């Protein structure tokens, strides 16, 4: 049976459970862009969590509280901070991306992140940089639309958003 597409209510469940368990994370990917108003659809919730054993344990506890069946193998992968963990054993699909392409570190991404209501979201420039760096065909097709949305978003929210790639270039030019 096909899964339902991503709904902001799913993100609210994640945000609430993660807040209760003190998980350090950001929404990323297309679901992160949707939370900022991007008019697209996706099939899952993309999460960029901080990589630590303690944060991994908190993630497992939070996901179990909202109905995810976390096997022993899946728990080990989450606690270890495996680069990519796909979870389809719950009320909706979640991808934990501990090492997203195009982003240097969680700490840097968090320093540029946005808070939209209850949502901690990677900034659009980081979301775009990650999609560009992944070079997946479906992401490359989406890039022009995301770039147009970013330009409109930044007009309405004048604080400049800097991507990991731009910061890295700035460091090289010093």
N, C-alpha and C. Protein backbone atom coordinates (compact mmCIF):
# COMPACT_ATOMS: atom_id res chain seq x y z
N UNK A 1 0.84 -1.18 0.00
CA UNK A 1 0.00 0.00 0.00
C UNK A 1 0.89 1.24 0.00
N UNK A 2 0.67 2.17 -0.95
CA UNK A 2 1.50 3.37 -0.99
C UNK A 2 1.29 4.23 0.26
N UNK A 3 2.39 4.84 0.69
CA UNK A 3 2.34 5.72 1.86
C UNK A 3 1.73 7.05 1.45
N UNK A 4 1.13 7.70 2.43
CA UNK A 4 0.59 9.04 2.19
C UNK A 4 1.74 10.03 2.08
N UNK A 5 1.47 11.13 1.37
CA UNK A 5 2.51 12.14 1.25
C UNK A 5 2.66 12.91 2.57
N UNK A 6 3.79 13.57 2.69
CA UNK A 6 4.13 14.35 3.87
C UNK A 6 3.05 15.39 4.18
N UNK A 7 2.72 15.49 5.45
CA UNK A 7 1.78 16.49 5.95
C UNK A 7 2.44 17.24 7.11
N UNK A 8 2.23 18.55 7.21
CA UNK A 8 2.82 19.30 8.33
C UNK A 8 2.44 18.74 9.71
N UNK A 9 1.30 18.08 9.83
CA UNK A 9 0.94 17.49 11.13
C UNK A 9 1.95 16.42 11.55
N UNK A 10 2.53 15.74 10.58
CA UNK A 10 3.57 14.75 10.90
C UNK A 10 4.78 15.46 11.49
N UNK A 11 5.13 16.59 10.90
CA UNK A 11 6.26 17.36 11.41
C UNK A 11 5.97 17.87 12.81
N UNK A 12 4.71 18.24 13.07
CA UNK A 12 4.33 18.68 14.42
C UNK A 12 4.52 17.55 15.42
N UNK A 13 4.14 16.33 15.03
CA UNK A 13 4.34 15.18 15.93
C UNK A 13 5.82 14.98 16.24
N UNK A 14 6.63 15.04 15.20
CA UNK A 14 8.08 14.89 15.38
C UNK A 14 8.61 16.01 16.27
N UNK A 15 8.25 17.25 15.96
CA UNK A 15 8.75 18.40 16.72
C UNK A 15 8.38 18.28 18.19
N UNK A 16 7.15 17.89 18.47
CA UNK A 16 6.69 17.76 19.85
C UNK A 16 7.47 16.64 20.57
N UNK A 17 7.56 15.48 19.94
CA UNK A 17 8.26 14.36 20.56
C UNK A 17 9.74 14.67 20.75
N UNK A 18 10.36 15.30 19.75
CA UNK A 18 11.78 15.64 19.85
C UNK A 18 12.01 16.70 20.92
N UNK A 19 11.11 17.65 21.04
CA UNK A 19 11.25 18.67 22.09
C UNK A 19 11.16 18.01 23.46
N UNK A 20 10.21 17.12 23.65
CA UNK A 20 10.03 16.43 24.94
C UNK A 20 11.26 15.62 25.32
N UNK A 21 11.92 15.04 24.32
CA UNK A 21 13.11 14.21 24.59
C UNK A 21 14.43 14.99 24.45
N UNK A 22 14.34 16.29 24.12
CA UNK A 22 15.51 17.16 23.97
C UNK A 22 16.44 16.68 22.85
N UNK A 23 15.85 16.29 21.73
CA UNK A 23 16.63 15.88 20.56
C UNK A 23 17.13 17.14 19.86
N UNK A 24 18.38 17.12 19.45
CA UNK A 24 18.99 18.22 18.70
C UNK A 24 18.89 17.85 17.21
N UNK A 25 18.14 18.62 16.43
CA UNK A 25 17.84 18.25 15.05
C UNK A 25 17.39 19.47 14.25
N UNK A 26 17.31 19.27 12.93
CA UNK A 26 16.72 20.24 12.01
C UNK A 26 15.88 19.48 10.99
N UNK A 27 14.78 20.08 10.56
CA UNK A 27 14.09 19.55 9.39
C UNK A 27 14.91 19.98 8.18
N UNK A 28 15.02 19.10 7.21
CA UNK A 28 15.84 19.37 6.04
C UNK A 28 15.11 18.82 4.81
N UNK A 29 15.70 18.94 3.66
CA UNK A 29 15.12 18.37 2.46
C UNK A 29 13.85 19.10 2.04
N UNK A 30 13.11 18.43 1.19
CA UNK A 30 11.89 19.05 0.67
C UNK A 30 10.87 19.28 1.77
N UNK A 31 10.82 18.36 2.76
CA UNK A 31 9.87 18.57 3.86
C UNK A 31 10.23 19.83 4.64
N UNK A 32 11.53 20.11 4.81
CA UNK A 32 11.94 21.35 5.46
C UNK A 32 11.50 22.57 4.67
N UNK A 33 11.67 22.51 3.35
CA UNK A 33 11.23 23.63 2.49
C UNK A 33 9.72 23.81 2.57
N UNK A 34 8.98 22.72 2.60
CA UNK A 34 7.52 22.80 2.69
C UNK A 34 7.11 23.50 3.99
N UNK A 35 7.81 23.21 5.07
CA UNK A 35 7.50 23.86 6.35
C UNK A 35 7.73 25.37 6.29
N UNK A 36 8.57 25.82 5.36
CA UNK A 36 8.80 27.25 5.17
C UNK A 36 7.87 27.87 4.14
N UNK A 37 6.98 27.03 3.57
CA UNK A 37 5.98 27.55 2.64
C UNK A 37 6.13 27.09 1.20
N UNK A 38 7.14 26.28 0.91
CA UNK A 38 7.35 25.79 -0.45
C UNK A 38 6.15 24.96 -0.90
N UNK A 39 5.61 25.24 -2.09
CA UNK A 39 4.40 24.56 -2.53
C UNK A 39 4.67 23.23 -3.24
N UNK A 40 5.28 22.31 -2.55
CA UNK A 40 5.58 21.02 -3.14
C UNK A 40 5.03 19.89 -2.31
N UNK A 41 5.29 18.68 -2.74
CA UNK A 41 4.91 17.49 -1.98
C UNK A 41 6.10 16.56 -1.88
N UNK A 42 6.08 15.72 -0.87
CA UNK A 42 7.10 14.71 -0.70
C UNK A 42 6.47 13.54 0.06
N UNK A 43 7.19 12.44 0.14
CA UNK A 43 6.64 11.23 0.75
C UNK A 43 7.10 11.01 2.18
N UNK A 44 8.06 11.79 2.65
CA UNK A 44 8.62 11.50 3.97
C UNK A 44 9.04 12.78 4.69
N UNK A 45 9.39 12.60 5.94
CA UNK A 45 9.90 13.69 6.76
C UNK A 45 11.42 13.50 6.81
N UNK A 46 12.16 14.52 6.39
CA UNK A 46 13.62 14.46 6.41
C UNK A 46 14.13 15.21 7.63
N UNK A 47 14.94 14.52 8.42
CA UNK A 47 15.49 15.08 9.66
C UNK A 47 17.02 15.02 9.59
N UNK A 48 17.66 16.13 9.96
CA UNK A 48 19.11 16.20 10.10
C UNK A 48 19.40 16.31 11.60
N UNK A 49 19.71 15.17 12.25
CA UNK A 49 19.98 15.21 13.69
C UNK A 49 21.47 15.40 13.98
N UNK A 50 21.75 15.97 15.14
CA UNK A 50 23.13 16.01 15.62
C UNK A 50 23.56 14.57 15.88
N UNK A 51 24.81 14.28 15.54
CA UNK A 51 25.32 12.92 15.67
C UNK A 51 26.01 12.77 17.03
N UNK A 52 25.34 12.08 17.95
CA UNK A 52 25.93 11.69 19.23
C UNK A 52 25.15 10.50 19.76
N UNK A 53 25.79 9.71 20.59
CA UNK A 53 25.13 8.55 21.17
C UNK A 53 23.91 8.99 21.96
N UNK A 54 24.06 10.00 22.78
CA UNK A 54 22.94 10.47 23.61
C UNK A 54 21.79 11.00 22.75
N UNK A 55 22.10 11.77 21.72
CA UNK A 55 21.04 12.28 20.84
C UNK A 55 20.36 11.11 20.12
N UNK A 56 21.12 10.11 19.71
CA UNK A 56 20.55 8.93 19.08
C UNK A 56 19.58 8.21 20.00
N UNK A 57 19.95 8.07 21.26
CA UNK A 57 19.04 7.43 22.22
C UNK A 57 17.75 8.24 22.38
N UNK A 58 17.90 9.54 22.40
CA UNK A 58 16.72 10.41 22.52
C UNK A 58 15.80 10.27 21.30
N UNK A 59 16.41 10.16 20.12
CA UNK A 59 15.63 9.99 18.89
C UNK A 59 14.82 8.70 18.97
N UNK A 60 15.47 7.61 19.36
CA UNK A 60 14.79 6.32 19.46
C UNK A 60 13.61 6.42 20.42
N UNK A 61 13.83 7.01 21.57
CA UNK A 61 12.77 7.14 22.57
C UNK A 61 11.61 7.98 22.03
N UNK A 62 11.93 9.09 21.38
CA UNK A 62 10.90 9.98 20.84
C UNK A 62 10.09 9.28 19.75
N UNK A 63 10.76 8.59 18.85
CA UNK A 63 10.04 7.91 17.76
C UNK A 63 9.15 6.79 18.30
N UNK A 64 9.64 6.07 19.27
CA UNK A 64 8.81 5.02 19.86
C UNK A 64 7.55 5.61 20.50
N UNK A 65 7.69 6.76 21.14
CA UNK A 65 6.54 7.40 21.80
C UNK A 65 5.44 7.79 20.82
N UNK A 66 5.80 8.06 19.57
CA UNK A 66 4.77 8.45 18.59
C UNK A 66 4.40 7.30 17.65
N UNK A 67 4.78 6.08 18.02
CA UNK A 67 4.26 4.92 17.31
C UNK A 67 5.19 4.23 16.33
N UNK A 68 6.45 4.54 16.34
CA UNK A 68 7.39 3.85 15.46
C UNK A 68 7.89 2.57 16.13
N UNK A 69 7.91 1.50 15.36
CA UNK A 69 8.49 0.23 15.82
C UNK A 69 9.97 0.27 15.44
N UNK A 70 10.82 0.41 16.42
CA UNK A 70 12.26 0.52 16.17
C UNK A 70 12.91 -0.82 16.55
N UNK A 71 13.38 -1.56 15.56
CA UNK A 71 14.04 -2.84 15.80
C UNK A 71 15.39 -2.61 16.47
N UNK A 72 15.97 -3.68 16.98
CA UNK A 72 17.30 -3.58 17.61
C UNK A 72 18.33 -3.09 16.60
N UNK A 73 18.26 -3.59 15.36
CA UNK A 73 19.19 -3.17 14.31
C UNK A 73 19.03 -1.68 13.99
N UNK A 74 17.80 -1.24 13.84
CA UNK A 74 17.52 0.17 13.56
C UNK A 74 17.98 1.05 14.72
N UNK A 75 17.76 0.60 15.94
CA UNK A 75 18.21 1.35 17.12
C UNK A 75 19.73 1.51 17.10
N UNK A 76 20.45 0.45 16.78
CA UNK A 76 21.92 0.54 16.71
C UNK A 76 22.36 1.55 15.65
N UNK A 77 21.70 1.54 14.49
CA UNK A 77 22.06 2.47 13.42
C UNK A 77 21.81 3.92 13.84
N UNK A 78 20.69 4.15 14.51
CA UNK A 78 20.36 5.51 14.95
C UNK A 78 21.34 5.98 16.02
N UNK A 79 21.61 5.15 17.00
CA UNK A 79 22.52 5.53 18.08
C UNK A 79 23.93 5.75 17.55
N UNK A 80 24.33 4.95 16.56
CA UNK A 80 25.66 5.10 15.97
C UNK A 80 25.75 6.31 15.04
N UNK A 81 24.59 6.87 14.67
CA UNK A 81 24.60 8.01 13.76
C UNK A 81 24.98 7.62 12.35
N UNK A 82 24.48 6.46 11.89
CA UNK A 82 24.72 6.03 10.51
C UNK A 82 24.33 7.17 9.57
N UNK A 83 25.10 7.39 8.51
CA UNK A 83 24.89 8.54 7.64
C UNK A 83 23.44 8.72 7.21
N UNK A 84 22.76 7.62 6.84
CA UNK A 84 21.39 7.71 6.37
C UNK A 84 20.59 6.54 6.94
N UNK A 85 19.50 6.85 7.64
CA UNK A 85 18.65 5.82 8.23
C UNK A 85 17.22 6.07 7.76
N UNK A 86 16.68 5.12 7.01
CA UNK A 86 15.31 5.24 6.51
C UNK A 86 14.40 4.43 7.43
N UNK A 87 13.33 5.08 7.91
CA UNK A 87 12.42 4.43 8.86
C UNK A 87 11.03 4.40 8.25
N UNK A 88 10.53 3.18 8.02
CA UNK A 88 9.21 2.99 7.43
C UNK A 88 8.32 2.17 8.35
N UNK A 89 8.70 2.09 9.61
CA UNK A 89 8.00 1.22 10.57
C UNK A 89 7.12 2.01 11.53
N UNK A 90 6.55 3.09 11.03
CA UNK A 90 5.71 3.93 11.89
C UNK A 90 4.52 4.50 11.16
N UNK A 91 3.88 5.47 11.75
CA UNK A 91 2.68 6.05 11.15
C UNK A 91 2.96 6.85 9.87
N UNK A 92 4.22 7.20 9.61
CA UNK A 92 4.65 7.87 8.38
C UNK A 92 6.13 7.60 8.22
N UNK A 93 6.67 7.91 7.06
CA UNK A 93 8.07 7.62 6.76
C UNK A 93 8.96 8.76 7.24
N UNK A 94 10.10 8.38 7.81
CA UNK A 94 11.09 9.35 8.29
C UNK A 94 12.46 8.94 7.77
N UNK A 95 13.19 9.91 7.25
CA UNK A 95 14.59 9.70 6.88
C UNK A 95 15.45 10.51 7.84
N UNK A 96 16.34 9.82 8.56
CA UNK A 96 17.32 10.51 9.39
C UNK A 96 18.59 10.63 8.56
N UNK A 97 19.02 11.85 8.33
CA UNK A 97 20.19 12.10 7.50
C UNK A 97 21.25 12.73 8.40
N UNK A 98 22.12 11.89 8.95
CA UNK A 98 23.14 12.38 9.88
C UNK A 98 24.29 13.08 9.14
N UNK A 99 24.42 12.83 7.84
CA UNK A 99 25.50 13.44 7.05
C UNK A 99 24.96 13.86 5.69
N UNK A 100 24.16 14.93 5.64
CA UNK A 100 23.61 15.34 4.35
C UNK A 100 24.70 15.86 3.41
N UNK A 101 24.57 15.50 2.16
CA UNK A 101 25.51 15.99 1.15
C UNK A 101 25.49 17.51 1.15
N UNK A 102 26.66 18.11 0.94
CA UNK A 102 26.73 19.56 0.76
C UNK A 102 26.72 20.39 2.02
N UNK A 103 26.66 19.76 3.19
CA UNK A 103 26.64 20.51 4.45
C UNK A 103 27.80 20.01 5.31
N UNK A 104 28.64 20.93 5.74
CA UNK A 104 29.86 20.57 6.46
C UNK A 104 29.59 19.91 7.81
N UNK A 105 28.71 20.53 8.61
CA UNK A 105 28.48 20.01 9.95
C UNK A 105 27.11 20.42 10.46
N UNK A 106 26.61 19.66 11.41
CA UNK A 106 25.33 20.00 12.03
C UNK A 106 25.44 21.35 12.72
N UNK A 107 26.53 21.59 13.43
CA UNK A 107 26.68 22.84 14.19
C UNK A 107 26.61 24.05 13.27
N UNK A 108 27.28 23.98 12.12
CA UNK A 108 27.23 25.11 11.18
C UNK A 108 25.82 25.29 10.63
N UNK A 109 25.18 24.18 10.26
CA UNK A 109 23.81 24.28 9.73
C UNK A 109 22.87 24.84 10.79
N UNK A 110 23.04 24.41 12.02
CA UNK A 110 22.17 24.89 13.10
C UNK A 110 22.36 26.40 13.31
N UNK A 111 23.58 26.88 13.16
CA UNK A 111 23.84 28.31 13.35
C UNK A 111 23.13 29.16 12.30
N UNK A 112 22.80 28.56 11.16
CA UNK A 112 22.11 29.28 10.08
C UNK A 112 20.62 28.92 10.01
N UNK A 113 20.17 28.05 10.89
CA UNK A 113 18.80 27.52 10.79
C UNK A 113 17.74 28.55 11.12
N UNK A 114 16.52 28.19 10.82
CA UNK A 114 15.37 29.06 11.04
C UNK A 114 14.42 28.39 12.00
N UNK A 115 13.69 29.18 12.73
CA UNK A 115 12.62 28.64 13.56
C UNK A 115 11.32 29.19 13.00
N UNK A 116 10.49 28.28 12.54
CA UNK A 116 9.20 28.62 11.96
C UNK A 116 8.14 27.97 12.83
N UNK A 117 7.57 28.75 13.76
CA UNK A 117 6.63 28.18 14.73
C UNK A 117 7.37 27.21 15.63
N UNK A 118 6.94 25.96 15.65
CA UNK A 118 7.60 24.94 16.48
C UNK A 118 8.69 24.20 15.72
N UNK A 119 8.90 24.57 14.47
CA UNK A 119 9.81 23.82 13.61
C UNK A 119 11.21 24.44 13.57
N UNK A 120 12.21 23.62 13.79
CA UNK A 120 13.61 24.01 13.60
C UNK A 120 14.00 23.50 12.22
N UNK A 121 14.24 24.43 11.30
CA UNK A 121 14.41 24.08 9.89
C UNK A 121 15.77 24.57 9.39
N UNK A 122 16.45 23.71 8.63
CA UNK A 122 17.67 24.15 7.97
C UNK A 122 17.31 25.29 7.02
N UNK A 123 18.22 26.23 6.83
CA UNK A 123 17.87 27.33 5.94
C UNK A 123 17.79 26.83 4.50
N UNK A 124 17.09 27.60 3.69
CA UNK A 124 16.84 27.17 2.32
C UNK A 124 18.12 27.02 1.51
N UNK A 125 19.11 27.84 1.78
CA UNK A 125 20.37 27.71 1.04
C UNK A 125 21.05 26.38 1.36
N UNK A 126 20.97 25.93 2.61
CA UNK A 126 21.53 24.63 2.95
C UNK A 126 20.71 23.49 2.35
N UNK A 127 19.40 23.62 2.37
CA UNK A 127 18.54 22.61 1.74
C UNK A 127 18.88 22.49 0.26
N UNK A 128 19.03 23.62 -0.40
CA UNK A 128 19.37 23.63 -1.83
C UNK A 128 20.77 23.08 -2.06
N UNK A 129 21.74 23.48 -1.24
CA UNK A 129 23.10 22.98 -1.39
C UNK A 129 23.15 21.46 -1.23
N UNK A 130 22.37 20.94 -0.30
CA UNK A 130 22.34 19.50 -0.09
C UNK A 130 21.73 18.78 -1.29
N UNK A 131 20.65 19.31 -1.81
CA UNK A 131 20.01 18.69 -2.98
C UNK A 131 20.95 18.75 -4.19
N UNK A 132 21.62 19.87 -4.37
CA UNK A 132 22.55 20.01 -5.49
C UNK A 132 23.71 19.01 -5.33
N UNK A 133 24.26 18.90 -4.13
CA UNK A 133 25.40 18.01 -3.91
C UNK A 133 25.02 16.53 -4.04
N UNK A 134 23.78 16.19 -3.74
CA UNK A 134 23.36 14.78 -3.86
C UNK A 134 23.34 14.34 -5.32
N UNK A 135 23.08 15.29 -6.22
CA UNK A 135 23.06 15.05 -7.67
C UNK A 135 22.04 13.99 -8.09
N UNK A 136 21.04 13.73 -7.24
CA UNK A 136 19.98 12.81 -7.65
C UNK A 136 19.12 13.51 -8.70
N UNK A 137 18.71 12.78 -9.71
CA UNK A 137 17.94 13.37 -10.81
C UNK A 137 16.71 14.10 -10.31
N UNK A 138 15.95 13.48 -9.40
CA UNK A 138 14.72 14.12 -8.92
C UNK A 138 15.02 15.41 -8.16
N UNK A 139 16.18 15.49 -7.49
CA UNK A 139 16.56 16.73 -6.80
C UNK A 139 17.00 17.79 -7.79
N UNK A 140 17.74 17.39 -8.81
CA UNK A 140 18.20 18.36 -9.82
C UNK A 140 17.03 18.98 -10.57
N UNK A 141 15.99 18.20 -10.81
CA UNK A 141 14.79 18.72 -11.48
C UNK A 141 14.12 19.77 -10.61
N UNK A 142 14.14 19.56 -9.30
CA UNK A 142 13.45 20.44 -8.35
C UNK A 142 14.23 21.74 -8.09
N UNK A 143 15.53 21.75 -8.36
CA UNK A 143 16.38 22.89 -7.98
C UNK A 143 15.90 24.25 -8.50
N UNK A 144 15.53 24.40 -9.77
CA UNK A 144 15.10 25.73 -10.22
C UNK A 144 13.88 26.24 -9.44
N UNK A 145 12.96 25.36 -9.12
CA UNK A 145 11.77 25.76 -8.35
C UNK A 145 12.17 26.16 -6.93
N UNK A 146 13.06 25.40 -6.32
CA UNK A 146 13.53 25.74 -4.97
C UNK A 146 14.29 27.06 -4.97
N UNK A 147 15.11 27.28 -5.99
CA UNK A 147 15.85 28.54 -6.08
C UNK A 147 14.90 29.73 -6.22
N UNK A 148 13.87 29.59 -7.03
CA UNK A 148 12.88 30.66 -7.18
C UNK A 148 12.16 30.90 -5.85
N UNK A 149 11.80 29.83 -5.16
CA UNK A 149 11.14 29.97 -3.87
C UNK A 149 12.08 30.66 -2.87
N UNK A 150 13.35 30.26 -2.86
CA UNK A 150 14.33 30.88 -1.95
C UNK A 150 14.42 32.37 -2.20
N UNK A 151 14.47 32.78 -3.46
CA UNK A 151 14.57 34.21 -3.78
C UNK A 151 13.35 34.96 -3.25
N UNK A 152 12.18 34.41 -3.43
CA UNK A 152 10.96 35.06 -2.91
C UNK A 152 10.94 35.05 -1.39
N UNK A 153 11.35 33.95 -0.80
CA UNK A 153 11.38 33.84 0.67
C UNK A 153 12.32 34.90 1.25
N UNK A 154 13.50 35.05 0.64
CA UNK A 154 14.47 36.01 1.15
C UNK A 154 14.01 37.46 0.98
N UNK A 155 13.19 37.73 -0.04
CA UNK A 155 12.62 39.07 -0.18
C UNK A 155 11.71 39.39 1.00
N UNK A 156 10.96 38.39 1.43
CA UNK A 156 10.02 38.57 2.54
C UNK A 156 10.70 38.47 3.90
N UNK A 157 11.83 37.81 3.95
CA UNK A 157 12.60 37.62 5.19
C UNK A 157 14.02 38.10 4.90
N UNK A 158 14.28 39.39 5.05
CA UNK A 158 15.50 40.00 4.54
C UNK A 158 16.83 39.52 5.13
N UNK A 159 16.82 38.84 6.25
CA UNK A 159 18.09 38.38 6.80
C UNK A 159 18.71 37.39 5.83
N UNK A 160 19.94 37.64 5.39
CA UNK A 160 20.55 36.75 4.40
C UNK A 160 20.79 35.36 4.99
N UNK A 161 20.52 34.36 4.17
CA UNK A 161 20.77 32.98 4.55
C UNK A 161 22.02 32.53 3.82
N UNK A 162 22.99 32.03 4.56
CA UNK A 162 24.26 31.62 3.95
C UNK A 162 24.37 30.11 4.00
N UNK A 163 24.75 29.51 2.90
CA UNK A 163 24.90 28.06 2.85
C UNK A 163 26.30 27.67 3.31
N UNK A 164 26.46 26.41 3.56
CA UNK A 164 27.76 25.87 3.94
C UNK A 164 28.77 26.13 2.84
N UNK A 165 28.35 26.00 1.59
CA UNK A 165 29.26 26.20 0.47
C UNK A 165 29.76 27.64 0.41
N UNK A 166 28.88 28.60 0.66
CA UNK A 166 29.27 30.02 0.64
C UNK A 166 30.24 30.31 1.78
N UNK A 167 29.97 29.78 2.97
CA UNK A 167 30.87 29.99 4.10
C UNK A 167 32.24 29.39 3.84
N UNK A 168 32.27 28.20 3.24
CA UNK A 168 33.54 27.55 2.94
C UNK A 168 34.34 28.37 1.93
N UNK A 169 33.68 28.93 0.92
CA UNK A 169 34.37 29.79 -0.05
C UNK A 169 34.95 31.02 0.63
N UNK A 170 34.17 31.58 1.57
CA UNK A 170 34.63 32.76 2.30
C UNK A 170 35.88 32.49 3.10
N UNK A 171 35.96 31.31 3.69
CA UNK A 171 37.15 30.93 4.48
C UNK A 171 38.37 30.76 3.59
N UNK A 172 38.16 30.20 2.38
CA UNK A 172 39.28 29.98 1.46
C UNK A 172 39.84 31.29 0.95
N UNK A 173 39.00 32.32 0.85
CA UNK A 173 39.43 33.61 0.31
C UNK A 173 40.10 34.51 1.33
N UNK A 174 40.27 34.06 2.54
CA UNK A 174 40.89 34.91 3.58
C UNK A 174 42.36 34.96 3.43
